[in-house]
Amino acid sequence: MFLFAASALEKVQTIPPATWLKLGIAIAALIAVVVILRTVAKMNKILLGVVVFVVVTVFFFSWVYNRNEPRWMTPIVEKIAPFFPSAGSYSNKQSR
């Protein structure tokens, strides 16, 4: 039994510190998500809906304006982008 524990301890010591840091960050993020979800579960659902709507809208219009959307959103953003201003549109109008 002690032989198994000693070999496991040797293997753990060979893991680089950067891996331990990433693992610690992942565990802290998981704990934060659980705490946030428990808090959200107690919230007023209408207020939660408004907050989610505002956050999604800000992200979406940021993607449309800067054209830095995720690859899976590109077909949707390409269809909607002509109706909204983009980051380069003002400088293009000024140079004419």
C-alpha atoms as a PDB file:
ATOM      1  CA  MET A   1       0.000   0.000   0.000  1.00  0.00           C
ATOM      2  CA  PHE A   2       2.792   2.401   0.893  1.00  0.00           C
ATOM      3  CA  LEU A   3       4.597   1.525  -2.309  1.00  0.00           C
ATOM      4  CA  PHE A   4       1.569   2.622  -4.334  1.00  0.00           C
ATOM      5  CA  ALA A   5       1.325   5.877  -2.372  1.00  0.00           C
ATOM      6  CA  ALA A   6       5.026   6.577  -2.842  1.00  0.00           C
ATOM      7  CA  SER A   7       4.898   6.031  -6.592  1.00  0.00           C
ATOM      8  CA  ALA A   8       1.768   8.175  -6.891  1.00  0.00           C
ATOM      9  CA  LEU A   9       3.475  10.945  -4.910  1.00  0.00           C
ATOM     10  CA  GLU A  10       6.489  10.782  -7.241  1.00  0.00           C
ATOM     11  CA  LYS A  11       4.240  11.082 -10.292  1.00  0.00           C
ATOM     12  CA  VAL A  12       2.409  14.054  -8.773  1.00  0.00           C
ATOM     13  CA  GLN A  13       5.698  15.824  -8.102  1.00  0.00           C
ATOM     14  CA  THR A  14       6.661  15.604 -11.787  1.00  0.00           C
ATOM     15  CA  ILE A  15       3.586  17.587 -12.869  1.00  0.00           C
ATOM     16  CA  PRO A  16       4.614  21.166 -13.796  1.00  0.00           C
ATOM     17  CA  PRO A  17       3.450  24.061 -11.574  1.00  0.00           C
ATOM     18  CA  ALA A  18       1.599  25.670 -14.508  1.00  0.00           C
ATOM     19  CA  THR A  19      -0.715  22.648 -14.621  1.00  0.00           C
ATOM     20  CA  TRP A  20      -1.475  23.011 -10.916  1.00  0.00           C
ATOM     21  CA  LEU A  21      -2.220  26.700 -11.449  1.00  0.00           C
ATOM     22  CA  LYS A  22      -4.638  25.926 -14.294  1.00  0.00           C
ATOM     23  CA  LEU A  23      -6.294  23.227 -12.209  1.00  0.00           C
ATOM     24  CA  GLY A  24      -6.677  25.640  -9.286  1.00  0.00           C
ATOM     25  CA  ILE A  25      -8.198  28.293 -11.544  1.00  0.00           C
ATOM     26  CA  ALA A  26     -10.622  25.734 -12.982  1.00  0.00           C
ATOM     27  CA  ILE A  27     -11.725  24.644  -9.515  1.00  0.00           C
ATOM     28  CA  ALA A  28     -12.163  28.274  -8.401  1.00  0.00           C
ATOM     29  CA  ALA A  29     -14.191  29.004 -11.544  1.00  0.00           C
ATOM     30  CA  LEU A  30     -16.399  25.984 -10.885  1.00  0.00           C
ATOM     31  CA  ILE A  31     -17.033  27.131  -7.317  1.00  0.00           C
ATOM     32  CA  ALA A  32     -17.836  30.654  -8.568  1.00  0.00           C
ATOM     33  CA  VAL A  33     -20.291  29.280 -11.147  1.00  0.00           C
ATOM     34  CA  VAL A  34     -22.079  27.228  -8.478  1.00  0.00           C
ATOM     35  CA  VAL A  35     -22.343  30.241  -6.149  1.00  0.00           C
ATOM     36  CA  ILE A  36     -23.618  32.455  -8.981  1.00  0.00           C
ATOM     37  CA  LEU A  37     -26.170  29.848 -10.089  1.00  0.00           C
ATOM     38  CA  ARG A  38     -27.483  29.480  -6.540  1.00  0.00           C
ATOM     39  CA  THR A  39     -27.836  33.256  -6.289  1.00  0.00           C
ATOM     40  CA  VAL A  40     -29.553  33.460  -9.673  1.00  0.00           C
ATOM     41  CA  ALA A  41     -32.006  30.737  -8.673  1.00  0.00           C
ATOM     42  CA  LYS A  42     -33.234  33.010  -5.858  1.00  0.00           C
ATOM     43  CA  MET A  43     -33.590  36.066  -8.138  1.00  0.00           C
ATOM     44  CA  ASN A  44     -36.747  37.570  -9.519  1.00  0.00           C
ATOM     45  CA  LYS A  45     -37.219  35.868 -12.897  1.00  0.00           C
ATOM     46  CA  ILE A  46     -38.263  39.080 -14.692  1.00  0.00           C
ATOM     47  CA  LEU A  47     -35.151  40.895 -13.471  1.00  0.00           C
ATOM     48  CA  LEU A  48     -33.046  37.909 -14.498  1.00  0.00           C
ATOM     49  CA  GLY A  49     -34.618  37.969 -17.956  1.00  0.00           C
ATOM     50  CA  VAL A  50     -33.873  41.679 -18.363  1.00  0.00           C
ATOM     51  CA  VAL A  51     -30.249  41.238 -17.268  1.00  0.00           C
ATOM     52  CA  VAL A  52     -29.719  38.288 -19.631  1.00  0.00           C
ATOM     53  CA  PHE A  53     -31.345  40.214 -22.508  1.00  0.00           C
ATOM     54  CA  VAL A  54     -29.108  43.256 -21.956  1.00  0.00           C
ATOM     55  CA  VAL A  55     -25.926  41.170 -21.705  1.00  0.00           C
ATOM     56  CA  VAL A  56     -26.729  39.152 -24.835  1.00  0.00           C
ATOM     57  CA  THR A  57     -27.660  42.323 -26.749  1.00  0.00           C
ATOM     58  CA  VAL A  58     -24.434  44.104 -25.786  1.00  0.00           C
ATOM     59  CA  PHE A  59     -22.325  41.110 -26.836  1.00  0.00           C
ATOM     60  CA  PHE A  60     -24.219  40.689 -30.102  1.00  0.00           C
ATOM     61  CA  PHE A  61     -23.976  44.345 -31.130  1.00  0.00           C
ATOM     62  CA  SER A  62     -20.317  44.401 -30.133  1.00  0.00           C
ATOM     63  CA  TRP A  63     -19.768  41.481 -32.497  1.00  0.00           C
ATOM     64  CA  VAL A  64     -21.680  43.252 -35.273  1.00  0.00           C
ATOM     65  CA  TYR A  65     -19.817  46.539 -34.778  1.00  0.00           C
ATOM     66  CA  ASN A  66     -16.298  45.088 -34.493  1.00  0.00           C
ATOM     67  CA  ARG A  67     -16.932  42.009 -36.689  1.00  0.00           C
ATOM     68  CA  ASN A  68     -15.128  39.753 -34.222  1.00  0.00           C
ATOM     69  CA  GLU A  69     -17.965  37.266 -33.780  1.00  0.00           C
ATOM     70  CA  PRO A  70     -17.388  33.548 -33.253  1.00  0.00           C
ATOM     71  CA  ARG A  71     -17.157  31.498 -36.419  1.00  0.00           C
ATOM     72  CA  TRP A  72     -20.566  29.877 -35.869  1.00  0.00           C
ATOM     73  CA  MET A  73     -22.235  33.336 -35.715  1.00  0.00           C
ATOM     74  CA  THR A  74     -20.731  34.639 -38.969  1.00  0.00           C
ATOM     75  CA  PRO A  75     -23.656  33.703 -41.260  1.00  0.00           C
ATOM     76  CA  ILE A  76     -26.138  35.504 -38.993  1.00  0.00           C
ATOM     77  CA  VAL A  77     -23.936  38.554 -38.465  1.00  0.00           C
ATOM     78  CA  GLU A  78     -23.250  38.857 -42.216  1.00  0.00           C
ATOM     79  CA  LYS A  79     -26.979  39.156 -42.878  1.00  0.00           C
ATOM     80  CA  ILE A  80     -27.586  41.681 -40.083  1.00  0.00           C
ATOM     81  CA  ALA A  81     -24.377  43.757 -40.301  1.00  0.00           C
ATOM     82  CA  PRO A  82     -25.402  45.944 -43.303  1.00  0.00           C
ATOM     83  CA  PHE A  83     -28.219  47.459 -41.242  1.00  0.00           C
ATOM     84  CA  PHE A  84     -25.951  48.614 -38.403  1.00  0.00           C
ATOM     85  CA  PRO A  85     -22.796  50.737 -38.265  1.00  0.00           C
ATOM     86  CA  SER A  86     -19.430  49.008 -38.212  1.00  0.00           C
ATOM     87  CA  ALA A  87     -16.035  50.002 -36.841  1.00  0.00           C
ATOM     88  CA  GLY A  88     -14.657  51.044 -40.249  1.00  0.00           C
ATOM     89  CA  SER A  89     -17.752  52.753 -41.649  1.00  0.00           C
ATOM     90  CA  TYR A  90     -17.128  56.204 -40.131  1.00  0.00           C
ATOM     91  CA  SER A  91     -13.558  56.480 -41.422  1.00  0.00           C
ATOM     92  CA  ASN A  92     -14.707  55.321 -44.882  1.00  0.00           C
ATOM     93  CA  LYS A  93     -17.324  58.088 -45.044  1.00  0.00           C
ATOM     94  CA  GLN A  94     -14.816  60.713 -43.912  1.00  0.00           C
ATOM     95  CA  SER A  95     -12.241  59.769 -46.552  1.00  0.00           C
ATOM     96  CA  ARG A  96     -14.670  60.280 -49.469  1.00  0.00           C
END
